Amino acid sequence: MVPLTQLWLPILLAAVFVFIASSIIHMVLGYHRSDFRKLSAEDEVMAALRSFDIPSGDYLMPCPSGPQGMKAPEFQEKMKAGPVAMMTIRSSGPPSLTTNLILWFLYCIVVGVFAAYIAGRALPQRAHYLDVFRFAGTTAFVGYGLALLQNSIWKGTSWGTTIRGMFDGLIYALITAGTFGWLWPK
């Protein structure tokens, strides 16, 4: 067993390496550019929604009043007539990229902490590189990739977007696994 306090270096370095890899994936490689499509009537839809002054949040349309509301004829008719949508409304203005990047880095640290905890409880000091790689990598993949499946299952995110995100998660997990294997206490 390896205490979490002995694994801060691999946790932080893995977060830095994943952060760099994700920057390359999103700014250079470009295979996520097709994750979102533009509405053909974007300006008209934006103008229409703007007139309602909708606060930031997640919305379902149509939205039933509960399980019984899903059976109501009015709700069923709205579902048939469409459009059916799940949408996130964000505050107007440019996004705070700094805040998003800080939160992403903190998330990378959290995934690293869980990978360290699982590997640290399962393995001794001087564990073989591949054993560390397996435990840390599997845990990191759960945090970075596997959790994305629920977006396609429940929110209707396209399977292509989810699979591309899971591929990124696999890359991040391999980076995390390699970092932990390299820096595992001897």
Foldseek 3Di string as FASTA:
>chain_A
DADLVLCPVLLLVLLVVLLVVVCCVVPPVPPCVPQDDADPPNVVVVVVVVVVVDDFDKDWPPDAPDPVSCVDPVNVVDVVVDDTAIDTDDDDDDDDVVVVSVVSSVLSSVLLSQLCVQLVVVDDFVDALVSSLVSSLVSQLVSFQVVLVVCCVPHVRDVVSNVVSSVSSNVSSNSSSNSCSVSGHD
